[in-house]
C-alpha cells in the first residue's frame, strides 16, 4: 500500500478508527466503466462495499464510489434503483415496485438482512495493521479520557464531603 493509499484510508475513519456511521444508514453507489453498477444501503458502508468488491463477480469493475446520508435511506434506495437502473440490483429494479411480501417472504428478508449484518460485523475485523493501529489509538484515547474523568469525579465528590479540609489545604 502506498503512502497516498494509507492517507486516503485514514481520512475515511474517525478519530476512534470507527468503520461505522454512528448508526446512520448511508446510501452508496458503485460505478464501473459502463455506468452505475449497484446501489445499496448500510450502517457500515465501507465494510459493505469491501464485501461487494471481494465477493461479487462485478466487484473488480468498480472504479468509483459515492456515499450519501439521506434522511430516509430505505426510500432513497428504492427511488435511486428505480430511477437510475443499476446493472446489478435485483430488488426494486422492475418497472413497478414489488408487491408487499407474504409473512414467509418477510421473514426470509429479515433473515437475509441479519445474515448480512453478521457478515458486516465479521468483516469489520481489521485487515491491516494500519486499521488496527487506528482502532487501538481510539481505544487508548477513550481509556485515558475515562481515567481522567473518573479521577475528577472522585476529587469533586471528596470536595463535597469535606469542605473544611478543602479550605485548610488552600491556606499556606
N, C-alpha and C. Protein backbone atom coordinates (compact mmCIF):
# COMPACT_ATOMS: atom_id res chain seq x y z
N UNK A 1 0.85 -1.17 0.00
CA UNK A 1 0.00 0.00 0.00
C UNK A 1 0.89 1.23 0.00
N UNK A 2 0.58 2.19 -0.84
CA UNK A 2 1.39 3.40 -0.93
C UNK A 2 1.01 4.37 0.18
N UNK A 3 1.84 5.40 0.37
CA UNK A 3 1.54 6.42 1.37
C UNK A 3 0.25 7.15 1.05
N UNK A 4 0.00 7.37 -0.24
CA UNK A 4 -1.23 8.06 -0.65
C UNK A 4 -2.44 7.21 -0.30
N UNK A 5 -2.36 5.88 -0.54
CA UNK A 5 -3.45 4.98 -0.17
C UNK A 5 -3.68 5.00 1.33
N UNK A 6 -2.62 4.96 2.10
CA UNK A 6 -2.72 4.97 3.55
C UNK A 6 -3.37 6.26 4.04
N UNK A 7 -2.96 7.39 3.48
CA UNK A 7 -3.56 8.67 3.87
C UNK A 7 -5.03 8.71 3.51
N UNK A 8 -5.38 8.20 2.34
CA UNK A 8 -6.79 8.16 1.93
C UNK A 8 -7.60 7.32 2.91
N UNK A 9 -7.09 6.13 3.25
CA UNK A 9 -7.82 5.25 4.18
C UNK A 9 -7.98 5.89 5.55
N UNK A 10 -6.93 6.56 6.04
CA UNK A 10 -7.03 7.22 7.34
C UNK A 10 -8.10 8.30 7.33
N UNK A 11 -8.26 8.97 6.19
CA UNK A 11 -9.28 10.01 6.08
C UNK A 11 -10.69 9.46 6.11
N UNK A 12 -10.86 8.17 5.87
CA UNK A 12 -12.20 7.57 5.87
C UNK A 12 -12.67 7.20 7.27
N UNK A 13 -11.78 7.21 8.25
CA UNK A 13 -12.12 6.80 9.60
C UNK A 13 -12.16 8.00 10.52
N UNK A 14 -12.97 7.91 11.58
CA UNK A 14 -12.96 8.99 12.57
C UNK A 14 -11.80 8.78 13.53
N UNK A 15 -11.70 9.64 14.55
CA UNK A 15 -10.54 9.60 15.45
C UNK A 15 -10.44 8.27 16.19
N UNK A 16 -11.58 7.62 16.43
CA UNK A 16 -11.57 6.34 17.13
C UNK A 16 -11.33 5.17 16.19
N UNK A 17 -11.16 5.44 14.91
CA UNK A 17 -10.93 4.37 13.95
C UNK A 17 -12.21 3.64 13.59
N UNK A 18 -13.35 4.29 13.79
CA UNK A 18 -14.63 3.65 13.55
C UNK A 18 -14.89 3.44 12.07
N UNK A 19 -15.39 2.26 11.74
CA UNK A 19 -15.78 1.95 10.38
C UNK A 19 -17.26 2.23 10.17
N UNK A 20 -17.91 2.69 11.20
CA UNK A 20 -19.36 2.86 11.17
C UNK A 20 -19.74 4.33 11.01
N UNK A 21 -21.02 4.58 10.84
CA UNK A 21 -21.51 5.93 10.62
C UNK A 21 -22.38 6.40 11.77
N UNK A 22 -22.02 6.00 12.99
CA UNK A 22 -22.75 6.39 14.20
C UNK A 22 -24.22 6.01 14.10
N UNK A 23 -24.50 4.87 13.53
CA UNK A 23 -25.86 4.38 13.46
C UNK A 23 -26.68 4.92 12.30
N UNK A 24 -26.14 5.90 11.58
CA UNK A 24 -26.88 6.45 10.43
C UNK A 24 -26.76 5.49 9.26
N UNK A 25 -27.84 5.32 8.54
CA UNK A 25 -27.83 4.47 7.36
C UNK A 25 -27.45 5.30 6.15
N UNK A 26 -26.45 4.81 5.42
CA UNK A 26 -25.96 5.53 4.24
C UNK A 26 -26.51 4.89 2.98
N UNK A 27 -26.53 5.67 1.94
CA UNK A 27 -26.88 5.19 0.60
C UNK A 27 -25.58 5.25 -0.20
N UNK A 28 -25.20 4.11 -0.79
CA UNK A 28 -23.95 4.12 -1.56
C UNK A 28 -24.22 3.66 -2.99
N UNK A 29 -23.41 4.18 -3.90
CA UNK A 29 -23.48 3.82 -5.31
C UNK A 29 -22.10 3.35 -5.75
N UNK A 30 -22.07 2.26 -6.50
CA UNK A 30 -20.82 1.73 -7.04
C UNK A 30 -20.87 1.86 -8.57
N UNK A 31 -19.85 2.49 -9.13
CA UNK A 31 -19.81 2.75 -10.56
C UNK A 31 -18.69 1.95 -11.22
N UNK A 32 -18.94 1.54 -12.44
CA UNK A 32 -17.95 0.87 -13.27
C UNK A 32 -17.77 1.65 -14.56
N UNK A 33 -16.91 1.19 -15.44
CA UNK A 33 -16.71 1.90 -16.71
C UNK A 33 -17.99 2.02 -17.53
N UNK A 34 -18.91 1.05 -17.36
CA UNK A 34 -20.16 1.05 -18.12
C UNK A 34 -21.27 1.84 -17.44
N UNK A 35 -21.00 2.44 -16.27
CA UNK A 35 -22.01 3.24 -15.57
C UNK A 35 -22.30 2.69 -14.19
N UNK A 36 -23.49 2.97 -13.70
CA UNK A 36 -23.88 2.57 -12.35
C UNK A 36 -24.04 1.06 -12.27
N UNK A 37 -23.27 0.45 -11.35
CA UNK A 37 -23.32 -1.00 -11.18
C UNK A 37 -24.30 -1.41 -10.09
N UNK A 38 -24.29 -0.67 -8.95
CA UNK A 38 -25.07 -1.13 -7.81
C UNK A 38 -25.39 0.03 -6.88
N UNK A 39 -26.57 -0.01 -6.28
CA UNK A 39 -26.98 0.94 -5.25
C UNK A 39 -27.38 0.13 -4.03
N UNK A 40 -26.91 0.55 -2.86
CA UNK A 40 -27.26 -0.16 -1.63
C UNK A 40 -27.28 0.77 -0.44
N UNK A 41 -27.72 0.22 0.70
CA UNK A 41 -27.72 0.98 1.95
C UNK A 41 -27.02 0.15 3.03
N UNK A 42 -26.42 0.85 3.99
CA UNK A 42 -25.72 0.16 5.08
C UNK A 42 -25.38 1.15 6.18
N UNK A 43 -25.30 0.64 7.41
CA UNK A 43 -24.79 1.47 8.51
C UNK A 43 -23.26 1.36 8.59
N UNK A 44 -22.70 0.42 7.84
CA UNK A 44 -21.24 0.23 7.76
C UNK A 44 -20.86 0.21 6.28
N UNK A 45 -20.94 1.35 5.60
CA UNK A 45 -20.78 1.33 4.14
C UNK A 45 -19.42 0.83 3.67
N UNK A 46 -18.36 1.20 4.35
CA UNK A 46 -17.04 0.77 3.88
C UNK A 46 -16.88 -0.74 3.97
N UNK A 47 -17.39 -1.31 5.04
CA UNK A 47 -17.34 -2.75 5.20
C UNK A 47 -18.20 -3.43 4.15
N UNK A 48 -19.39 -2.90 3.93
CA UNK A 48 -20.31 -3.50 2.95
C UNK A 48 -19.73 -3.38 1.54
N UNK A 49 -19.16 -2.26 1.22
CA UNK A 49 -18.56 -2.06 -0.11
C UNK A 49 -17.40 -3.03 -0.30
N UNK A 50 -16.59 -3.19 0.73
CA UNK A 50 -15.47 -4.14 0.64
C UNK A 50 -15.99 -5.55 0.36
N UNK A 51 -17.11 -5.92 0.99
CA UNK A 51 -17.71 -7.22 0.74
C UNK A 51 -18.12 -7.36 -0.72
N UNK A 52 -18.75 -6.32 -1.27
CA UNK A 52 -19.12 -6.34 -2.69
C UNK A 52 -17.87 -6.52 -3.56
N UNK A 53 -16.85 -5.75 -3.26
CA UNK A 53 -15.63 -5.79 -4.08
C UNK A 53 -14.99 -7.18 -4.06
N UNK A 54 -15.07 -7.84 -2.91
CA UNK A 54 -14.43 -9.14 -2.77
C UNK A 54 -15.30 -10.30 -3.25
N UNK A 55 -16.63 -10.19 -3.10
CA UNK A 55 -17.48 -11.35 -3.31
C UNK A 55 -18.33 -11.31 -4.57
N UNK A 56 -18.59 -10.16 -5.12
CA UNK A 56 -19.44 -10.08 -6.30
C UNK A 56 -18.61 -10.27 -7.57
N UNK A 57 -19.15 -10.96 -8.56
CA UNK A 57 -18.38 -11.14 -9.80
C UNK A 57 -18.08 -9.81 -10.49
N UNK A 58 -18.91 -8.80 -10.27
CA UNK A 58 -18.68 -7.49 -10.88
C UNK A 58 -17.84 -6.57 -10.00
N UNK A 59 -17.42 -7.03 -8.82
CA UNK A 59 -16.67 -6.20 -7.88
C UNK A 59 -15.38 -5.64 -8.42
N UNK A 60 -14.71 -6.38 -9.29
CA UNK A 60 -13.43 -5.91 -9.84
C UNK A 60 -13.61 -4.77 -10.83
N UNK A 61 -14.85 -4.56 -11.29
CA UNK A 61 -15.09 -3.49 -12.27
C UNK A 61 -15.41 -2.15 -11.61
N UNK A 62 -15.51 -2.11 -10.28
CA UNK A 62 -15.84 -0.86 -9.59
C UNK A 62 -14.67 0.11 -9.70
N UNK A 63 -14.97 1.31 -10.21
CA UNK A 63 -13.92 2.33 -10.35
C UNK A 63 -14.24 3.59 -9.56
N UNK A 64 -15.49 3.71 -9.06
CA UNK A 64 -15.86 4.90 -8.29
C UNK A 64 -16.94 4.53 -7.29
N UNK A 65 -16.94 5.25 -6.18
CA UNK A 65 -17.90 5.03 -5.10
C UNK A 65 -18.45 6.38 -4.68
N UNK A 66 -19.74 6.43 -4.43
CA UNK A 66 -20.38 7.65 -3.91
C UNK A 66 -21.20 7.25 -2.68
N UNK A 67 -21.01 7.96 -1.57
CA UNK A 67 -21.74 7.69 -0.33
C UNK A 67 -22.52 8.94 0.05
N UNK A 68 -23.82 8.77 0.29
CA UNK A 68 -24.70 9.86 0.71
C UNK A 68 -25.36 9.49 2.03
N UNK A 69 -25.89 10.50 2.72
CA UNK A 69 -26.53 10.32 4.01
C UNK A 69 -27.96 10.88 3.97
N UNK A 70 -28.87 10.22 3.28
CA UNK A 70 -30.24 10.74 3.19
C UNK A 70 -30.99 10.55 4.50
N UNK A 71 -32.04 11.35 4.69
CA UNK A 71 -32.86 11.21 5.90
C UNK A 71 -33.53 9.85 5.96
N UNK A 72 -34.08 9.39 4.84
CA UNK A 72 -34.73 8.08 4.76
C UNK A 72 -33.99 7.25 3.72
N UNK A 73 -33.00 6.49 4.18
CA UNK A 73 -32.15 5.74 3.26
C UNK A 73 -32.91 4.65 2.52
N UNK A 74 -33.88 4.03 3.19
CA UNK A 74 -34.64 2.96 2.54
C UNK A 74 -35.42 3.51 1.34
N UNK A 75 -36.10 4.63 1.53
CA UNK A 75 -36.86 5.24 0.44
C UNK A 75 -35.90 5.75 -0.65
N UNK A 76 -34.77 6.31 -0.23
CA UNK A 76 -33.80 6.82 -1.21
C UNK A 76 -33.23 5.69 -2.05
N UNK A 77 -33.00 4.53 -1.43
CA UNK A 77 -32.50 3.38 -2.19
C UNK A 77 -33.53 2.94 -3.23
N UNK A 78 -34.77 2.81 -2.82
CA UNK A 78 -35.83 2.40 -3.74
C UNK A 78 -35.92 3.37 -4.92
N UNK A 79 -35.93 4.66 -4.61
CA UNK A 79 -36.04 5.68 -5.66
C UNK A 79 -34.82 5.65 -6.59
N UNK A 80 -33.63 5.52 -6.01
CA UNK A 80 -32.40 5.52 -6.82
C UNK A 80 -32.37 4.31 -7.76
N UNK A 81 -32.74 3.16 -7.26
CA UNK A 81 -32.70 1.95 -8.09
C UNK A 81 -33.72 2.06 -9.22
N UNK A 82 -34.94 2.52 -8.89
CA UNK A 82 -35.97 2.62 -9.91
C UNK A 82 -35.64 3.69 -10.95
N UNK A 83 -35.04 4.81 -10.51
CA UNK A 83 -34.76 5.91 -11.44
C UNK A 83 -33.45 5.70 -12.21
N UNK A 84 -32.42 5.16 -11.56
CA UNK A 84 -31.09 5.10 -12.16
C UNK A 84 -30.76 3.75 -12.79
N UNK A 85 -31.54 2.72 -12.49
CA UNK A 85 -31.41 1.40 -13.10
C UNK A 85 -29.99 0.82 -13.04
N UNK A 86 -29.44 0.60 -11.84
CA UNK A 86 -28.11 -0.01 -11.76
C UNK A 86 -28.14 -1.42 -12.35
N UNK A 87 -27.03 -1.82 -12.92
CA UNK A 87 -26.96 -3.09 -13.65
C UNK A 87 -27.15 -4.32 -12.77
N UNK A 88 -26.74 -4.26 -11.50
CA UNK A 88 -26.71 -5.48 -10.69
C UNK A 88 -27.66 -5.47 -9.50
N UNK A 89 -28.55 -4.51 -9.40
CA UNK A 89 -29.57 -4.57 -8.35
C UNK A 89 -30.71 -5.45 -8.84
N UNK A 90 -31.24 -6.25 -7.97
CA UNK A 90 -32.36 -7.13 -8.31
C UNK A 90 -33.65 -6.54 -7.76
N UNK A 91 -33.64 -6.21 -6.46
CA UNK A 91 -34.83 -5.66 -5.81
C UNK A 91 -35.07 -4.25 -6.32
N UNK A 92 -36.31 -3.89 -6.54
CA UNK A 92 -36.77 -2.57 -6.98
C UNK A 92 -36.38 -2.25 -8.42
N UNK A 93 -35.77 -3.17 -9.14
CA UNK A 93 -35.28 -2.85 -10.47
C UNK A 93 -36.29 -3.19 -11.57
N UNK A 94 -37.51 -3.54 -11.20
CA UNK A 94 -38.56 -3.79 -12.18
C UNK A 94 -39.21 -2.49 -12.60
N UNK A 95 -40.25 -2.59 -13.43
CA UNK A 95 -40.94 -1.37 -13.87
C UNK A 95 -41.84 -0.83 -12.77
N UNK A 96 -42.26 -1.68 -11.86
CA UNK A 96 -43.10 -1.24 -10.73
C UNK A 96 -42.49 -1.81 -9.45
N UNK A 97 -42.74 -1.15 -8.32
CA UNK A 97 -42.20 -1.69 -7.06
C UNK A 97 -42.77 -3.08 -6.79
N UNK A 98 -42.01 -3.93 -6.12
CA UNK A 98 -42.51 -5.27 -5.84
C UNK A 98 -43.70 -5.20 -4.89
N UNK A 99 -44.63 -6.16 -5.00
CA UNK A 99 -45.76 -6.17 -4.09
C UNK A 99 -45.29 -6.49 -2.67
N UNK A 100 -46.09 -6.10 -1.66
CA UNK A 100 -45.69 -6.43 -0.29
C UNK A 100 -45.55 -7.94 -0.13
N UNK A 101 -44.46 -8.40 0.45
CA UNK A 101 -44.25 -9.85 0.56
C UNK A 101 -45.16 -10.48 1.61
N UNK A 102 -45.37 -11.77 1.46
CA UNK A 102 -46.13 -12.51 2.48
C UNK A 102 -45.26 -12.70 3.71
N UNK A 103 -45.82 -13.28 4.78
CA UNK A 103 -45.10 -13.42 6.04
C UNK A 103 -43.80 -14.19 5.86
N UNK A 104 -43.85 -15.31 5.13
CA UNK A 104 -42.64 -16.11 4.93
C UNK A 104 -41.57 -15.32 4.18
N UNK A 105 -41.98 -14.55 3.20
CA UNK A 105 -41.02 -13.73 2.45
C UNK A 105 -40.42 -12.65 3.34
N UNK A 106 -41.26 -12.03 4.17
CA UNK A 106 -40.74 -11.01 5.09
C UNK A 106 -39.71 -11.63 6.04
N UNK A 107 -40.02 -12.83 6.55
CA UNK A 107 -39.10 -13.49 7.47
C UNK A 107 -37.80 -13.87 6.75
N UNK A 108 -37.91 -14.33 5.50
CA UNK A 108 -36.69 -14.64 4.74
C UNK A 108 -35.86 -13.38 4.52
N UNK A 109 -36.54 -12.27 4.23
CA UNK A 109 -35.83 -11.00 4.04
C UNK A 109 -35.14 -10.57 5.32
N UNK A 110 -35.85 -10.70 6.44
CA UNK A 110 -35.26 -10.34 7.72
C UNK A 110 -34.07 -11.23 8.05
N UNK A 111 -34.22 -12.54 7.76
CA UNK A 111 -33.11 -13.47 7.97
C UNK A 111 -31.91 -13.07 7.12
N UNK A 112 -32.15 -12.75 5.86
CA UNK A 112 -31.05 -12.34 4.97
C UNK A 112 -30.40 -11.05 5.47
N UNK A 113 -31.21 -10.11 5.96
CA UNK A 113 -30.66 -8.85 6.48
C UNK A 113 -29.80 -9.12 7.71
N UNK A 114 -30.26 -10.01 8.59
CA UNK A 114 -29.47 -10.32 9.78
C UNK A 114 -28.18 -11.05 9.41
N UNK A 115 -28.25 -11.91 8.39
CA UNK A 115 -27.04 -12.60 7.94
C UNK A 115 -26.04 -11.61 7.34
N UNK A 116 -26.55 -10.62 6.58
CA UNK A 116 -25.67 -9.58 6.03
C UNK A 116 -25.04 -8.77 7.15
N UNK A 117 -25.84 -8.45 8.17
CA UNK A 117 -25.32 -7.69 9.31
C UNK A 117 -24.20 -8.46 10.00
N UNK A 118 -24.41 -9.78 10.17
CA UNK A 118 -23.37 -10.61 10.77
C UNK A 118 -22.11 -10.59 9.91
N UNK A 119 -22.27 -10.70 8.59
CA UNK A 119 -21.12 -10.63 7.69
C UNK A 119 -20.40 -9.29 7.83
N UNK A 120 -21.18 -8.21 7.96
CA UNK A 120 -20.57 -6.89 8.11
C UNK A 120 -19.78 -6.82 9.41
N UNK A 121 -20.34 -7.36 10.48
CA UNK A 121 -19.63 -7.34 11.76
C UNK A 121 -18.36 -8.18 11.68
N UNK A 122 -18.46 -9.35 11.07
CA UNK A 122 -17.28 -10.20 10.93
C UNK A 122 -16.23 -9.55 10.04
N UNK A 123 -16.70 -8.84 9.01
CA UNK A 123 -15.76 -8.18 8.09
C UNK A 123 -15.14 -6.93 8.71
N UNK A 124 -15.72 -6.43 9.80
CA UNK A 124 -15.20 -5.21 10.43
C UNK A 124 -13.88 -5.46 11.14
N UNK A 125 -13.49 -6.71 11.29
CA UNK A 125 -12.20 -7.01 11.90
C UNK A 125 -11.12 -6.45 10.97
N UNK A 126 -10.21 -5.67 11.51
CA UNK A 126 -9.21 -5.01 10.67
C UNK A 126 -8.41 -6.01 9.84
N UNK A 127 -8.19 -5.64 8.59
CA UNK A 127 -7.42 -6.50 7.69
C UNK A 127 -5.98 -6.01 7.54
N UNK A 128 -5.67 -4.89 8.15
CA UNK A 128 -4.29 -4.41 8.02
C UNK A 128 -3.85 -3.81 9.35
N UNK A 129 -2.55 -3.69 9.50
CA UNK A 129 -2.01 -3.10 10.73
C UNK A 129 -2.37 -1.63 10.83
N UNK A 130 -2.56 -0.95 9.70
CA UNK A 130 -2.94 0.46 9.73
C UNK A 130 -4.31 0.61 10.37
N UNK A 131 -5.27 -0.20 9.94
CA UNK A 131 -6.61 -0.14 10.54
C UNK A 131 -6.55 -0.47 12.02
N UNK A 132 -5.79 -1.50 12.37
CA UNK A 132 -5.68 -1.92 13.76
C UNK A 132 -5.07 -0.81 14.61
N UNK A 133 -4.04 -0.15 14.10
CA UNK A 133 -3.42 0.95 14.85
C UNK A 133 -4.40 2.09 15.08
N UNK A 134 -5.21 2.41 14.08
CA UNK A 134 -6.21 3.47 14.24
C UNK A 134 -7.24 3.10 15.31
N UNK A 135 -7.68 1.86 15.31
CA UNK A 135 -8.66 1.42 16.30
C UNK A 135 -8.02 1.41 17.69
N UNK A 136 -6.80 0.89 17.80
CA UNK A 136 -6.13 0.85 19.10
C UNK A 136 -5.87 2.26 19.62
N UNK A 137 -5.53 3.18 18.75
CA UNK A 137 -5.31 4.57 19.17
C UNK A 137 -6.60 5.15 19.73
N UNK A 138 -7.72 4.85 19.08
CA UNK A 138 -9.01 5.32 19.57
C UNK A 138 -9.35 4.72 20.93
N UNK A 139 -9.07 3.43 21.10
CA UNK A 139 -9.32 2.77 22.38
C UNK A 139 -8.47 3.39 23.48
N UNK A 140 -7.19 3.60 23.20
CA UNK A 140 -6.28 4.20 24.19
C UNK A 140 -6.75 5.60 24.57
N UNK A 141 -7.15 6.39 23.59
CA UNK A 141 -7.63 7.75 23.88
C UNK A 141 -8.88 7.70 24.75
N UNK A 142 -9.79 6.79 24.45
CA UNK A 142 -11.02 6.66 25.26
C UNK A 142 -10.69 6.22 26.67
N UNK A 143 -9.76 5.27 26.83
CA UNK A 143 -9.38 4.81 28.16
C UNK A 143 -8.74 5.94 28.96
N UNK A 144 -7.89 6.73 28.34
CA UNK A 144 -7.25 7.85 29.02
C UNK A 144 -8.28 8.87 29.46
N UNK A 145 -9.22 9.19 28.59
CA UNK A 145 -10.27 10.15 28.92
C UNK A 145 -11.14 9.64 30.06
N UNK A 146 -11.47 8.35 30.05
CA UNK A 146 -12.29 7.77 31.11
C UNK A 146 -11.55 7.83 32.44
N UNK A 147 -10.27 7.49 32.45
CA UNK A 147 -9.48 7.54 33.69
C UNK A 147 -9.41 8.96 34.23
N UNK A 148 -9.21 9.93 33.36
CA UNK A 148 -9.14 11.34 33.78
C UNK A 148 -10.47 11.77 34.38
N UNK A 149 -11.56 11.44 33.71
CA UNK A 149 -12.88 11.83 34.23
C UNK A 149 -13.20 11.13 35.54
N UNK A 150 -12.79 9.88 35.69
CA UNK A 150 -13.02 9.15 36.94
C UNK A 150 -12.28 9.83 38.10
N UNK A 151 -11.02 10.27 37.86
CA UNK A 151 -10.27 10.99 38.90
C UNK A 151 -10.96 12.30 39.27
N UNK A 152 -11.44 13.02 38.25
CA UNK A 152 -12.11 14.30 38.50
C UNK A 152 -13.41 14.09 39.28
N UNK A 153 -14.13 13.02 39.01
CA UNK A 153 -15.35 12.72 39.76
C UNK A 153 -15.01 12.44 41.21
N UNK A 154 -13.97 11.62 41.44
CA UNK A 154 -13.55 11.32 42.82
C UNK A 154 -13.15 12.59 43.56
N UNK A 155 -12.40 13.46 42.92
CA UNK A 155 -11.97 14.71 43.55
C UNK A 155 -13.17 15.60 43.87
N UNK A 156 -14.11 15.69 42.93
CA UNK A 156 -15.30 16.53 43.15
C UNK A 156 -16.15 15.98 44.28
N UNK A 157 -16.30 14.66 44.36
CA UNK A 157 -17.07 14.05 45.43
C UNK A 157 -16.39 14.24 46.78
N UNK A 158 -15.07 14.12 46.81
CA UNK A 158 -14.32 14.31 48.05
C UNK A 158 -14.45 15.76 48.52
N UNK A 159 -14.44 16.70 47.58
CA UNK A 159 -14.57 18.12 47.94
C UNK A 159 -15.95 18.41 48.49
N UNK A 160 -16.98 17.75 48.01
CA UNK A 160 -18.34 17.95 48.50
C UNK A 160 -18.49 17.43 49.92
N UNK A 161 -17.83 16.32 50.24
CA UNK A 161 -17.99 15.68 51.55
C UNK A 161 -17.15 16.34 52.64
N UNK A 162 -16.12 17.04 52.29
CA UNK A 162 -15.27 17.65 53.30
C UNK A 162 -14.85 19.07 52.88
N UNK A 163 -15.80 20.02 52.93
CA UNK A 163 -15.45 21.38 52.50
C UNK A 163 -14.43 22.05 53.43
N UNK A 164 -14.42 21.69 54.72
CA UNK A 164 -13.47 22.29 55.66
C UNK A 164 -12.05 21.92 55.33
N UNK A 165 -11.81 20.67 54.95
CA UNK A 165 -10.47 20.23 54.61
C UNK A 165 -9.98 20.93 53.35
N UNK A 166 -10.90 21.16 52.41
CA UNK A 166 -10.53 21.85 51.17
C UNK A 166 -10.05 23.26 51.48
N UNK A 167 -10.72 23.95 52.42
CA UNK A 167 -10.34 25.31 52.78
C UNK A 167 -8.98 25.33 53.47
N UNK A 168 -8.74 24.35 54.38
CA UNK A 168 -7.48 24.32 55.09
C UNK A 168 -6.30 24.08 54.13
N UNK A 169 -6.52 23.23 53.11
CA UNK A 169 -5.45 22.95 52.17
C UNK A 169 -5.11 24.17 51.33
N UNK A 170 -6.10 25.00 51.08
CA UNK A 170 -5.87 26.15 50.23
C UNK A 170 -5.04 27.21 50.93
N UNK A 171 -5.10 27.27 52.29
CA UNK A 171 -4.31 28.28 53.02
C UNK A 171 -2.87 27.81 53.17
N UNK A 172 -1.90 28.70 53.00
CA UNK A 172 -0.48 28.30 53.14
C UNK A 172 -0.05 28.17 54.57
